[in-house]
Amino acid sequence: AWIENNQTGRTVWEMTWRNTLPAGGASKNRLFDDIVLLPPGS
């Protein structure tokens, strides 16, 4: 997944291999378990 700012069209966060952990099961299962704080907006 990723999050885009609707006003600018820019990606403000994206799920990558580096910011995820194993989610269990198959090795391709990845988990991002954190908080993404965004300023008010769309």
Full PDB file with SEQRES, HELIX, SHEET, SSBOND, CRYST1, ORIGX, SCALE, CONECT and MASTER records, all heavy atoms in Angstrom:
SEQRES   1 A   42  ALA TRP ILE GLU ASN ASN GLN THR GLY ARG THR VAL TRP          
SEQRES   2 A   42  GLU MET THR TRP ARG ASN THR LEU PRO ALA GLY GLY ALA          
SEQRES   3 A   42  SER LYS ASN ARG LEU PHE ASP ASP ILE VAL LEU LEU PRO          
SEQRES   4 A   42  PRO GLY SER                                                  
SHEET    1 AA1 2 TRP A   2  GLU A   4  0                                        
SHEET    2 AA1 2 THR A  11  GLU A  14 -1                                        
SHEET    1 AA2 2 LEU A  21  PRO A  22  0                                        
SHEET    2 AA2 2 ARG A  30  LEU A  31 -1                                        
CRYST1    1.000    1.000    1.000  90.00  90.00  90.00 P 1           1          
ORIGX1      1.000000  0.000000  0.000000        0.00000                         
ORIGX2      0.000000  1.000000  0.000000        0.00000                         
ORIGX3      0.000000  0.000000  1.000000        0.00000                         
SCALE1      1.000000  0.000000  0.000000        0.00000                         
SCALE2      0.000000  1.000000  0.000000        0.00000                         
SCALE3      0.000000  0.000000  1.000000        0.00000                         
ATOM      1  N   ALA A   1       0.829  -1.199   0.000  1.00  0.00           N  
ATOM      2  CA  ALA A   1       0.000   0.000   0.000  1.00  0.00           C  
ATOM      3  C   ALA A   1       0.864   1.249   0.000  1.00  0.00           C  
ATOM      4  O   ALA A   1       2.050   1.194   0.316  1.00  0.00           O  
ATOM      5  CB  ALA A   1      -0.894  -0.003   1.241  1.00  0.00           C  
ATOM      6  N   TRP A   2       0.233   2.373  -0.351  1.00  0.00           N  
ATOM      7  CA  TRP A   2       0.873   3.675  -0.223  1.00  0.00           C  
ATOM      8  C   TRP A   2      -0.212   4.717  -0.023  1.00  0.00           C  
ATOM      9  O   TRP A   2      -1.391   4.467  -0.261  1.00  0.00           O  
ATOM     10  CB  TRP A   2       1.767   3.984  -1.415  1.00  0.00           C  
ATOM     11  CG  TRP A   2       1.088   4.213  -2.727  1.00  0.00           C  
ATOM     12  CD1 TRP A   2       0.750   5.411  -3.287  1.00  0.00           C  
ATOM     13  CD2 TRP A   2       0.678   3.211  -3.661  1.00  0.00           C  
ATOM     14  NE1 TRP A   2       0.164   5.230  -4.506  1.00  0.00           N  
ATOM     15  CE2 TRP A   2       0.103   3.882  -4.757  1.00  0.00           C  
ATOM     16  CE3 TRP A   2       0.731   1.824  -3.682  1.00  0.00           C  
ATOM     17  CZ2 TRP A   2      -0.418   3.204  -5.854  1.00  0.00           C  
ATOM     18  CZ3 TRP A   2       0.219   1.154  -4.767  1.00  0.00           C  
ATOM     19  CH2 TRP A   2      -0.337   1.836  -5.841  1.00  0.00           C  
ATOM     20  N   ILE A   3       0.192   5.895   0.441  1.00  0.00           N  
ATOM     21  CA  ILE A   3      -0.736   7.000   0.696  1.00  0.00           C  
ATOM     22  C   ILE A   3      -0.305   8.193  -0.153  1.00  0.00           C  
ATOM     23  O   ILE A   3       0.868   8.559  -0.162  1.00  0.00           O  
ATOM     24  CB  ILE A   3      -0.740   7.398   2.190  1.00  0.00           C  
ATOM     25  CG1 ILE A   3      -1.119   6.203   3.067  1.00  0.00           C  
ATOM     26  CG2 ILE A   3      -1.691   8.577   2.435  1.00  0.00           C  
ATOM     27  CD1 ILE A   3      -0.932   6.452   4.550  1.00  0.00           C  
ATOM     28  N   GLU A   4      -1.280   8.791  -0.839  1.00  0.00           N  
ATOM     29  CA  GLU A   4      -1.019   9.961  -1.670  1.00  0.00           C  
ATOM     30  C   GLU A   4      -1.728  11.186  -1.104  1.00  0.00           C  
ATOM     31  O   GLU A   4      -2.856  11.078  -0.621  1.00  0.00           O  
ATOM     32  CB  GLU A   4      -1.532   9.734  -3.094  1.00  0.00           C  
ATOM     33  CG  GLU A   4      -0.815   8.644  -3.830  1.00  0.00           C  
ATOM     34  CD  GLU A   4      -1.428   8.355  -5.192  1.00  0.00           C  
ATOM     35  OE1 GLU A   4      -2.487   8.947  -5.530  1.00  0.00           O  
ATOM     36  OE2 GLU A   4      -0.852   7.531  -5.916  1.00  0.00           O  
ATOM     37  N   ASN A   5      -1.076  12.336  -1.174  1.00  0.00           N  
ATOM     38  CA  ASN A   5      -1.687  13.615  -0.836  1.00  0.00           C  
ATOM     39  C   ASN A   5      -2.534  14.025  -2.033  1.00  0.00           C  
ATOM     40  O   ASN A   5      -2.022  14.147  -3.146  1.00  0.00           O  
ATOM     41  CB  ASN A   5      -0.598  14.651  -0.550  1.00  0.00           C  
ATOM     42  CG  ASN A   5      -1.157  16.006  -0.202  1.00  0.00           C  
ATOM     43  OD1 ASN A   5      -1.980  16.565  -0.919  1.00  0.00           O  
ATOM     44  ND2 ASN A   5      -0.689  16.546   0.908  1.00  0.00           N  
ATOM     45  N   ASN A   6      -3.833  14.219  -1.830  1.00  0.00           N  
ATOM     46  CA  ASN A   6      -4.719  14.536  -2.949  1.00  0.00           C  
ATOM     47  C   ASN A   6      -4.450  15.908  -3.558  1.00  0.00           C  
ATOM     48  O   ASN A   6      -4.717  16.115  -4.738  1.00  0.00           O  
ATOM     49  CB  ASN A   6      -6.183  14.446  -2.524  1.00  0.00           C  
ATOM     50  CG  ASN A   6      -6.617  13.022  -2.295  1.00  0.00           C  
ATOM     51  OD1 ASN A   6      -5.999  12.079  -2.784  1.00  0.00           O  
ATOM     52  ND2 ASN A   6      -7.672  12.847  -1.529  1.00  0.00           N  
ATOM     53  N   GLN A   7      -3.931  16.836  -2.785  1.00  0.00           N  
ATOM     54  CA  GLN A   7      -3.669  18.174  -3.307  1.00  0.00           C  
ATOM     55  C   GLN A   7      -2.442  18.189  -4.223  1.00  0.00           C  
ATOM     56  O   GLN A   7      -2.447  18.818  -5.270  1.00  0.00           O  
ATOM     57  CB  GLN A   7      -3.483  19.169  -2.172  1.00  0.00           C  
ATOM     58  CG  GLN A   7      -3.350  20.599  -2.650  1.00  0.00           C  
ATOM     59  CD  GLN A   7      -3.317  21.586  -1.503  1.00  0.00           C  
ATOM     60  OE1 GLN A   7      -3.276  21.213  -0.331  1.00  0.00           O  
ATOM     61  NE2 GLN A   7      -3.324  22.852  -1.839  1.00  0.00           N  
ATOM     62  N   THR A   8      -1.397  17.474  -3.823  1.00  0.00           N  
ATOM     63  CA  THR A   8      -0.149  17.501  -4.591  1.00  0.00           C  
ATOM     64  C   THR A   8       0.032  16.294  -5.500  1.00  0.00           C  
ATOM     65  O   THR A   8       0.845  16.322  -6.419  1.00  0.00           O  
ATOM     66  CB  THR A   8       1.062  17.567  -3.645  1.00  0.00           C  
ATOM     67  OG1 THR A   8       1.123  16.348  -2.895  1.00  0.00           O  
ATOM     68  CG2 THR A   8       0.979  18.761  -2.712  1.00  0.00           C  
ATOM     69  N   GLY A   9      -0.676  15.208  -5.210  1.00  0.00           N  
ATOM     70  CA  GLY A   9      -0.504  13.967  -5.957  1.00  0.00           C  
ATOM     71  C   GLY A   9       0.741  13.188  -5.552  1.00  0.00           C  
ATOM     72  O   GLY A   9       1.024  12.127  -6.090  1.00  0.00           O  
ATOM     73  N   ARG A  10       1.466  13.708  -4.582  1.00  0.00           N  
ATOM     74  CA  ARG A  10       2.705  13.058  -4.156  1.00  0.00           C  
ATOM     75  C   ARG A  10       2.436  11.942  -3.146  1.00  0.00           C  
ATOM     76  O   ARG A  10       1.525  12.015  -2.332  1.00  0.00           O  
ATOM     77  CB  ARG A  10       3.643  14.080  -3.519  1.00  0.00           C  
ATOM     78  CG  ARG A  10       4.166  15.047  -4.520  1.00  0.00           C  
ATOM     79  CD  ARG A  10       5.222  15.917  -3.919  1.00  0.00           C  
ATOM     80  NE  ARG A  10       5.793  16.759  -4.966  1.00  0.00           N  
ATOM     81  CZ  ARG A  10       6.508  17.812  -4.737  1.00  0.00           C  
ATOM     82  NH1 ARG A  10       6.780  18.176  -3.503  1.00  0.00           N  
ATOM     83  NH2 ARG A  10       6.978  18.521  -5.734  1.00  0.00           N  
ATOM     84  N   THR A  11       3.284  10.930  -3.212  1.00  0.00           N  
ATOM     85  CA  THR A  11       3.237   9.848  -2.241  1.00  0.00           C  
ATOM     86  C   THR A  11       3.855  10.348  -0.932  1.00  0.00           C  
ATOM     87  O   THR A  11       4.975  10.841  -0.930  1.00  0.00           O  
ATOM     88  CB  THR A  11       4.010   8.622  -2.761  1.00  0.00           C  
ATOM     89  OG1 THR A  11       3.379   8.167  -3.961  1.00  0.00           O  
ATOM     90  CG2 THR A  11       4.034   7.491  -1.736  1.00  0.00           C  
ATOM     91  N   VAL A  12       3.091  10.227   0.172  1.00  0.00           N  
ATOM     92  CA  VAL A  12       3.586  10.689   1.469  1.00  0.00           C  
ATOM     93  C   VAL A  12       4.040   9.541   2.357  1.00  0.00           C  
ATOM     94  O   VAL A  12       4.699   9.748   3.368  1.00  0.00           O  
ATOM     95  CB  VAL A  12       2.536  11.555   2.196  1.00  0.00           C  
ATOM     96  CG1 VAL A  12       2.259  12.830   1.417  1.00  0.00           C  
ATOM     97  CG2 VAL A  12       1.249  10.775   2.429  1.00  0.00           C  
ATOM     98  N   TRP A  13       3.661   8.323   1.994  1.00  0.00           N  
ATOM     99  CA  TRP A  13       4.120   7.123   2.699  1.00  0.00           C  
ATOM    100  C   TRP A  13       3.929   5.943   1.759  1.00  0.00           C  
ATOM    101  O   TRP A  13       2.974   5.888   0.986  1.00  0.00           O  
ATOM    102  CB  TRP A  13       3.320   6.880   3.982  1.00  0.00           C  
ATOM    103  CG  TRP A  13       3.707   5.590   4.634  1.00  0.00           C  
ATOM    104  CD1 TRP A  13       4.732   5.395   5.502  1.00  0.00           C  
ATOM    105  CD2 TRP A  13       3.108   4.304   4.434  1.00  0.00           C  
ATOM    106  NE1 TRP A  13       4.808   4.065   5.859  1.00  0.00           N  
ATOM    107  CE2 TRP A  13       3.818   3.378   5.209  1.00  0.00           C  
ATOM    108  CE3 TRP A  13       2.045   3.840   3.668  1.00  0.00           C  
ATOM    109  CZ2 TRP A  13       3.494   2.031   5.257  1.00  0.00           C  
ATOM    110  CZ3 TRP A  13       1.728   2.490   3.708  1.00  0.00           C  
ATOM    111  CH2 TRP A  13       2.452   1.611   4.501  1.00  0.00           C  
ATOM    112  N   GLU A  14       4.858   4.980   1.830  1.00  0.00           N  
ATOM    113  CA  GLU A  14       4.659   3.741   1.083  1.00  0.00           C  
ATOM    114  C   GLU A  14       5.248   2.563   1.841  1.00  0.00           C  
ATOM    115  O   GLU A  14       6.222   2.687   2.575  1.00  0.00           O  
ATOM    116  CB  GLU A  14       5.229   3.834  -0.326  1.00  0.00           C  
ATOM    117  CG  GLU A  14       6.723   3.883  -0.422  1.00  0.00           C  
ATOM    118  CD  GLU A  14       7.181   3.965  -1.868  1.00  0.00           C  
ATOM    119  OE1 GLU A  14       6.803   3.089  -2.674  1.00  0.00           O  
ATOM    120  OE2 GLU A  14       7.922   4.900  -2.180  1.00  0.00           O  
ATOM    121  N   MET A  15       4.622   1.445   1.653  1.00  0.00           N  
ATOM    122  CA  MET A  15       5.065   0.194   2.253  1.00  0.00           C  
ATOM    123  C   MET A  15       6.211  -0.351   1.415  1.00  0.00           C  
ATOM    124  O   MET A  15       6.066  -0.524   0.208  1.00  0.00           O  
ATOM    125  CB  MET A  15       3.895  -0.792   2.277  1.00  0.00           C  
ATOM    126  CG  MET A  15       4.165  -2.079   2.951  1.00  0.00           C  
ATOM    127  SD  MET A  15       2.641  -3.060   2.929  1.00  0.00           S  
ATOM    128  CE  MET A  15       3.245  -4.523   3.716  1.00  0.00           C  
ATOM    129  N   THR A  16       7.335  -0.595   2.058  1.00  0.00           N  
ATOM    130  CA  THR A  16       8.497  -1.140   1.367  1.00  0.00           C  
ATOM    131  C   THR A  16       9.002  -2.357   2.135  1.00  0.00           C  
ATOM    132  O   THR A  16       8.600  -2.601   3.276  1.00  0.00           O  
ATOM    133  CB  THR A  16       9.633  -0.099   1.272  1.00  0.00           C  
ATOM    134  OG1 THR A  16      10.109   0.186   2.593  1.00  0.00           O  
ATOM    135  CG2 THR A  16       9.160   1.173   0.585  1.00  0.00           C  
ATOM    136  N   TRP A  17       9.876  -3.097   1.515  1.00  0.00           N  
ATOM    137  CA  TRP A  17      10.469  -4.247   2.191  1.00  0.00           C  
ATOM    138  C   TRP A  17      11.200  -3.801   3.454  1.00  0.00           C  
ATOM    139  O   TRP A  17      11.130  -4.453   4.487  1.00  0.00           O  
ATOM    140  CB  TRP A  17      11.419  -4.980   1.234  1.00  0.00           C  
ATOM    141  CG  TRP A  17      11.844  -6.312   1.759  1.00  0.00           C  
ATOM    142  CD1 TRP A  17      12.984  -6.591   2.457  1.00  0.00           C  
ATOM    143  CD2 TRP A  17      11.138  -7.541   1.670  1.00  0.00           C  
ATOM    144  NE1 TRP A  17      13.048  -7.916   2.790  1.00  0.00           N  
ATOM    145  CE2 TRP A  17      11.908  -8.528   2.315  1.00  0.00           C  
ATOM    146  CE3 TRP A  17       9.930  -7.912   1.102  1.00  0.00           C  
ATOM    147  CZ2 TRP A  17      11.504  -9.846   2.410  1.00  0.00           C  
ATOM    148  CZ3 TRP A  17       9.542  -9.231   1.187  1.00  0.00           C  
ATOM    149  CH2 TRP A  17      10.320 -10.174   1.829  1.00  0.00           C  
ATOM    150  N   ARG A  18      11.889  -2.661   3.377  1.00  0.00           N  
ATOM    151  CA  ARG A  18      12.695  -2.180   4.504  1.00  0.00           C  
ATOM    152  C   ARG A  18      11.876  -1.714   5.702  1.00  0.00           C  
ATOM    153  O   ARG A  18      12.363  -1.774   6.818  1.00  0.00           O  
ATOM    154  CB  ARG A  18      13.595  -1.038   4.052  1.00  0.00           C  
ATOM    155  CG  ARG A  18      14.727  -1.492   3.211  1.00  0.00           C  
ATOM    156  CD  ARG A  18      15.613  -0.341   2.907  1.00  0.00           C  
ATOM    157  NE  ARG A  18      16.957  -0.856   2.723  1.00  0.00           N  
ATOM    158  CZ  ARG A  18      18.001  -0.118   2.526  1.00  0.00           C  
ATOM    159  NH1 ARG A  18      17.878   1.192   2.507  1.00  0.00           N  
ATOM    160  NH2 ARG A  18      19.176  -0.658   2.353  1.00  0.00           N  
ATOM    161  N   ASN A  19      10.663  -1.207   5.485  1.00  0.00           N  
ATOM    162  CA  ASN A  19       9.886  -0.718   6.626  1.00  0.00           C  
ATOM    163  C   ASN A  19       8.844  -1.728   7.091  1.00  0.00           C  
ATOM    164  O   ASN A  19       7.905  -1.377   7.800  1.00  0.00           O  
ATOM    165  CB  ASN A  19       9.263   0.661   6.346  1.00  0.00           C  
ATOM    166  CG  ASN A  19       8.149   0.646   5.325  1.00  0.00           C  
ATOM    167  OD1 ASN A  19       7.670  -0.391   4.891  1.00  0.00           O  
ATOM    168  ND2 ASN A  19       7.725   1.835   4.917  1.00  0.00           N  
ATOM    169  N   THR A  20       8.999  -2.985   6.685  1.00  0.00           N  
ATOM    170  CA  THR A  20       8.081  -4.045   7.112  1.00  0.00           C  
ATOM    171  C   THR A  20       8.838  -5.162   7.821  1.00  0.00           C  
ATOM    172  O   THR A  20      10.064  -5.235   7.762  1.00  0.00           O  
ATOM    173  CB  THR A  20       7.330  -4.634   5.898  1.00  0.00           C  
ATOM    174  OG1 THR A  20       8.284  -5.182   4.977  1.00  0.00           O  
ATOM    175  CG2 THR A  20       6.480  -3.588   5.208  1.00  0.00           C  
ATOM    176  N   LEU A  21       8.065  -6.010   8.459  1.00  0.00           N  
ATOM    177  CA  LEU A  21       8.599  -7.179   9.168  1.00  0.00           C  
ATOM    178  C   LEU A  21       7.906  -8.430   8.645  1.00  0.00           C  
ATOM    179  O   LEU A  21       6.828  -8.341   8.054  1.00  0.00           O  
ATOM    180  CB  LEU A  21       8.318  -7.045  10.668  1.00  0.00           C  
ATOM    181  CG  LEU A  21       8.917  -5.837  11.371  1.00  0.00           C  
ATOM    182  CD1 LEU A  21       8.342  -5.710  12.777  1.00  0.00           C  
ATOM    183  CD2 LEU A  21      10.423  -5.942  11.398  1.00  0.00           C  
ATOM    184  N   PRO A  22       8.472  -9.601   8.891  1.00  0.00           N  
ATOM    185  CA  PRO A  22       7.767 -10.821   8.510  1.00  0.00           C  
ATOM    186  C   PRO A  22       6.407 -10.894   9.215  1.00  0.00           C  
ATOM    187  O   PRO A  22       6.291 -10.560  10.392  1.00  0.00           O  
ATOM    188  CB  PRO A  22       8.698 -11.933   8.995  1.00  0.00           C  
ATOM    189  CG  PRO A  22      10.057 -11.300   9.046  1.00  0.00           C  
ATOM    190  CD  PRO A  22       9.799  -9.870   9.451  1.00  0.00           C  
ATOM    191  N   ALA A  23       5.385 -11.311   8.479  1.00  0.00           N  
ATOM    192  CA  ALA A  23       4.030 -11.383   9.018  1.00  0.00           C  
ATOM    193  C   ALA A  23       3.627 -12.805   9.391  1.00  0.00           C  
ATOM    194  O   ALA A  23       2.487 -13.061   9.731  1.00  0.00           O  
ATOM    195  CB  ALA A  23       3.041 -10.810   8.004  1.00  0.00           C  
ATOM    196  N   GLY A  24       4.565 -13.743   9.298  1.00  0.00           N  
ATOM    197  CA  GLY A  24       4.248 -15.143   9.572  1.00  0.00           C  
ATOM    198  C   GLY A  24       3.809 -15.843   8.302  1.00  0.00           C  
ATOM    199  O   GLY A  24       3.468 -15.217   7.306  1.00  0.00           O  
ATOM    200  N   GLY A  25       3.835 -17.157   8.339  1.00  0.00           N  
ATOM    201  CA  GLY A  25       3.465 -17.932   7.152  1.00  0.00           C  
ATOM    202  C   GLY A  25       4.553 -17.854   6.099  1.00  0.00           C  
ATOM    203  O   GLY A  25       5.745 -17.892   6.412  1.00  0.00           O  
ATOM    204  N   ALA A  26       4.153 -17.693   4.849  1.00  0.00           N  
ATOM    205  CA  ALA A  26       5.105 -17.623   3.740  1.00  0.00           C  
ATOM    206  C   ALA A  26       6.045 -16.432   3.919  1.00  0.00           C  
ATOM    207  O   ALA A  26       5.664 -15.395   4.465  1.00  0.00           O  
ATOM    208  CB  ALA A  26       4.358 -17.497   2.413  1.00  0.00           C  
ATOM    209  N   SER A  27       7.267 -16.569   3.429  1.00  0.00           N  
ATOM    210  CA  SER A  27       8.262 -15.506   3.593  1.00  0.00           C  
ATOM    211  C   SER A  27       7.858 -14.220   2.882  1.00  0.00           C  
ATOM    212  O   SER A  27       8.332 -13.144   3.225  1.00  0.00           O  
ATOM    213  CB  SER A  27       9.633 -15.971   3.103  1.00  0.00           C  
ATOM    214  OG  SER A  27       9.576 -16.275   1.730  1.00  0.00           O  
ATOM    215  N   LYS A  28       6.974 -14.311   1.889  1.00  0.00           N  
ATOM    216  CA  LYS A  28       6.530 -13.110   1.179  1.00  0.00           C  
ATOM    217  C   LYS A  28       5.501 -12.295   1.963  1.00  0.00           C  
ATOM    218  O   LYS A  28       5.199 -11.160   1.592  1.00  0.00           O  
ATOM    219  CB  LYS A  28       5.960 -13.475  -0.186  1.00  0.00           C  
ATOM    220  CG  LYS A  28       4.702 -14.329  -0.141  1.00  0.00           C  
ATOM    221  CD  LYS A  28       4.275 -14.687  -1.553  1.00  0.00           C  
ATOM    222  CE  LYS A  28       3.096 -15.631  -1.565  1.00  0.00           C  
ATOM    223  NZ  LYS A  28       2.675 -15.907  -2.938  1.00  0.00           N  
ATOM    224  N   ASN A  29       4.973 -12.835   3.055  1.00  0.00           N  
ATOM    225  CA  ASN A  29       4.014 -12.107   3.881  1.00  0.00           C  
ATOM    226  C   ASN A  29       4.755 -11.054   4.696  1.00  0.00           C  
ATOM    227  O   ASN A  29       5.628 -11.376   5.492  1.00  0.00           O  
ATOM    228  CB  ASN A  29       3.275 -13.053   4.834  1.00  0.00           C  
ATOM    229  CG  ASN A  29       2.439 -14.068   4.114  1.00  0.00           C  
ATOM    230  OD1 ASN A  29       2.061 -13.880   2.973  1.00  0.00           O  
ATOM    231  ND2 ASN A  29       2.149 -15.163   4.792  1.00  0.00           N  
ATOM    232  N   ARG A  30       4.401  -9.790   4.501  1.00  0.00           N  
ATOM    233  CA  ARG A  30       5.077  -8.679   5.181  1.00  0.00           C  
ATOM    234  C   ARG A  30       4.051  -7.861   5.965  1.00  0.00           C  
ATOM    235  O   ARG A  30       2.874  -7.797   5.600  1.00  0.00           O  
ATOM    236  CB  ARG A  30       5.797  -7.781   4.183  1.00  0.00           C  
ATOM    237  CG  ARG A  30       6.820  -8.495   3.320  1.00  0.00           C  
ATOM    238  CD  ARG A  30       7.958  -9.088   4.095  1.00  0.00           C  
ATOM    239  NE  ARG A  30       8.790  -8.036   4.690  1.00  0.00           N  
ATOM    240  CZ  ARG A  30       9.832  -8.282   5.466  1.00  0.00           C  
ATOM    241  NH1 ARG A  30      10.175  -9.535   5.754  1.00  0.00           N  
ATOM    242  NH2 ARG A  30      10.548  -7.294   5.958  1.00  0.00           N  
ATOM    243  N   LEU A  31       4.523  -7.218   7.032  1.00  0.00           N  
ATOM    244  CA  LEU A  31       3.663  -6.456   7.933  1.00  0.00           C  
ATOM    245  C   LEU A  31       4.297  -5.117   8.255  1.00  0.00           C  
ATOM    246  O   LEU A  31       5.466  -5.057   8.645  1.00  0.00           O  
ATOM    247  CB  LEU A  31       3.462  -7.247   9.229  1.00  0.00           C  
ATOM    248  CG  LEU A  31       2.808  -6.527  10.398  1.00  0.00           C  
ATOM    249  CD1 LEU A  31       1.341  -6.272  10.112  1.00  0.00           C  
ATOM    250  CD2 LEU A  31       2.967  -7.357  11.658  1.00  0.00           C  
ATOM    251  N   PHE A  32       3.540  -4.037   8.074  1.00  0.00           N  
ATOM    252  CA  PHE A  32       3.930  -2.724   8.584  1.00  0.00           C  
ATOM    253  C   PHE A  32       3.039  -2.485   9.786  1.00  0.00           C  
ATOM    254  O   PHE A  32       1.820  -2.423   9.667  1.00  0.00           O  
ATOM    255  CB  PHE A  32       3.712  -1.628   7.535  1.00  0.00           C  
ATOM    256  CG  PHE A  32       4.001  -0.249   8.065  1.00  0.00           C  
ATOM    257  CD1 PHE A  32       5.298   0.233   8.079  1.00  0.00           C  
ATOM    258  CD2 PHE A  32       2.997   0.557   8.553  1.00  0.00           C  
ATOM    259  CE1 PHE A  32       5.588   1.490   8.574  1.00  0.00           C  
ATOM    260  CE2 PHE A  32       3.264   1.811   9.048  1.00  0.00           C  
ATOM    261  CZ  PHE A  32       4.564   2.281   9.060  1.00  0.00           C  
ATOM    262  N   ASP A  33       3.627  -2.374  10.967  1.00  0.00           N  
ATOM    263  CA  ASP A  33       2.856  -2.207  12.201  1.00  0.00           C  
ATOM    264  C   ASP A  33       3.382  -0.989  12.940  1.00  0.00           C  
ATOM    265  O   ASP A  33       4.208  -1.101  13.844  1.00  0.00           O  
ATOM    266  CB  ASP A  33       2.976  -3.466  13.061  1.00  0.00           C  
ATOM    267  CG  ASP A  33       2.054  -3.425  14.271  1.00  0.00           C  
ATOM    268  OD1 ASP A  33       1.121  -2.609  14.287  1.00  0.00           O  
ATOM    269  OD2 ASP A  33       2.281  -4.215  15.203  1.00  0.00           O  
ATOM    270  N   ASP A  34       2.922   0.164  12.514  1.00  0.00           N  
ATOM    271  CA  ASP A  34       3.369   1.418  13.105  1.00  0.00           C  
ATOM    272  C   ASP A  34       2.289   2.464  12.847  1.00  0.00           C  
ATOM    273  O   ASP A  34       1.270   2.172  12.233  1.00  0.00           O  
ATOM    274  CB  ASP A  34       4.706   1.850  12.504  1.00  0.00           C  
ATOM    275  CG  ASP A  34       5.503   2.768  13.418  1.00  0.00           C  
ATOM    276  OD1 ASP A  34       4.958   3.243  14.437  1.00  0.00           O  
ATOM    277  OD2 ASP A  34       6.673   3.010  13.115  1.00  0.00           O  
ATOM    278  N   ILE A  35       2.542   3.658  13.278  1.00  0.00           N  
ATOM    279  CA  ILE A  35       1.603   4.756  13.096  1.00  0.00           C  
ATOM    280  C   ILE A  35       2.185   5.727  12.074  1.00  0.00           C  
ATOM    281  O   ILE A  35       3.360   6.085  12.144  1.00  0.00           O  
ATOM    282  CB  ILE A  35       1.349   5.482  14.435  1.00  0.00           C  
ATOM    283  CG1 ILE A  35       0.668   4.524  15.412  1.00  0.00           C  
ATOM    284  CG2 ILE A  35       0.521   6.741  14.218  1.00  0.00           C  
ATOM    285  CD1 ILE A  35       0.558   5.064  16.821  1.00  0.00           C  
ATOM    286  N   VAL A  36       1.363   6.129  11.126  1.00  0.00           N  
ATOM    287  CA  VAL A  36       1.738   7.148  10.154  1.00  0.00           C  
ATOM    288  C   VAL A  36       0.889   8.374  10.477  1.00  0.00           C  
ATOM    289  O   VAL A  36      -0.329   8.354  10.299  1.00  0.00           O  
ATOM    290  CB  VAL A  36       1.475   6.681   8.701  1.00  0.00           C  
ATOM    291  CG1 VAL A  36       1.804   7.784   7.721  1.00  0.00           C  
ATOM    292  CG2 VAL A  36       2.256   5.415   8.397  1.00  0.00           C  
ATOM    293  N   LEU A  37       1.523   9.416  11.003  1.00  0.00           N  
ATOM    294  CA  LEU A  37       0.799  10.645  11.323  1.00  0.00           C  
ATOM    295  C   LEU A  37       0.899  11.606  10.144  1.00  0.00           C  
ATOM    296  O   LEU A  37       1.994  11.885   9.655  1.00  0.00           O  
ATOM    297  CB  LEU A  37       1.388  11.298  12.574  1.00  0.00           C  
ATOM    298  CG  LEU A  37       1.203  10.521  13.873  1.00  0.00           C  
ATOM    299  CD1 LEU A  37       1.932  11.218  15.022  1.00  0.00           C  
ATOM    300  CD2 LEU A  37      -0.271  10.372  14.208  1.00  0.00           C  
ATOM    301  N   LEU A  38      -0.245  12.087   9.706  1.00  0.00           N  
ATOM    302  CA  LEU A  38      -0.296  12.991   8.568  1.00  0.00           C  
ATOM    303  C   LEU A  38      -0.927  14.316   9.000  1.00  0.00           C  
ATOM    304  O   LEU A  38      -1.846  14.324   9.810  1.00  0.00           O  
ATOM    305  CB  LEU A  38      -1.140  12.383   7.448  1.00  0.00           C  
ATOM    306  CG  LEU A  38      -0.660  11.038   6.911  1.00  0.00           C  
ATOM    307  CD1 LEU A  38      -1.707  10.448   5.980  1.00  0.00           C  
ATOM    308  CD2 LEU A  38       0.660  11.209   6.196  1.00  0.00           C  
ATOM    309  N   PRO A  39      -0.452  15.421   8.442  1.00  0.00           N  
ATOM    310  CA  PRO A  39      -1.088  16.698   8.748  1.00  0.00           C  
ATOM    311  C   PRO A  39      -2.508  16.722   8.177  1.00  0.00           C  
ATOM    312  O   PRO A  39      -2.829  15.951   7.266  1.00  0.00           O  
ATOM    313  CB  PRO A  39      -0.191  17.736   8.071  1.00  0.00           C  
ATOM    314  CG  PRO A  39       0.610  16.994   7.074  1.00  0.00           C  
ATOM    315  CD  PRO A  39       0.687  15.571   7.534  1.00  0.00           C  
ATOM    316  N   PRO A  40      -3.371  17.597   8.703  1.00  0.00           N  
ATOM    317  CA  PRO A  40      -4.736  17.679   8.150  1.00  0.00           C  
ATOM    318  C   PRO A  40      -4.690  17.868   6.636  1.00  0.00           C  
ATOM    319  O   PRO A  40      -3.831  18.578   6.105  1.00  0.00           O  
ATOM    320  CB  PRO A  40      -5.316  18.914   8.839  1.00  0.00           C  
ATOM    321  CG  PRO A  40      -4.545  19.031  10.118  1.00  0.00           C  
ATOM    322  CD  PRO A  40      -3.150  18.557   9.780  1.00  0.00           C  
ATOM    323  N   GLY A  41      -5.594  17.225   5.959  1.00  0.00           N  
ATOM    324  CA  GLY A  41      -5.638  17.304   4.506  1.00  0.00           C  
ATOM    325  C   GLY A  41      -6.477  16.183   3.941  1.00  0.00           C  
ATOM    326  O   GLY A  41      -7.161  15.467   4.662  1.00  0.00           O  
ATOM    327  N   SER A  42      -6.375  15.998   2.655  1.00  0.00           N  
ATOM    328  CA  SER A  42      -7.121  14.969   1.947  1.00  0.00           C  
ATOM    329  C   SER A  42      -6.121  13.987   1.345  1.00  0.00           C  
ATOM    330  O   SER A  42      -5.184  14.388   0.650  1.00  0.00           O  
ATOM    331  CB  SER A  42      -7.965  15.624   0.850  1.00  0.00           C  
ATOM    332  OG  SER A  42      -8.649  14.650   0.102  1.00  0.00           O  
TER     333      SER A  42                                                      
MASTER        0    0    0    0    4    0    0    6  332    1    0    4          
END                                                                             
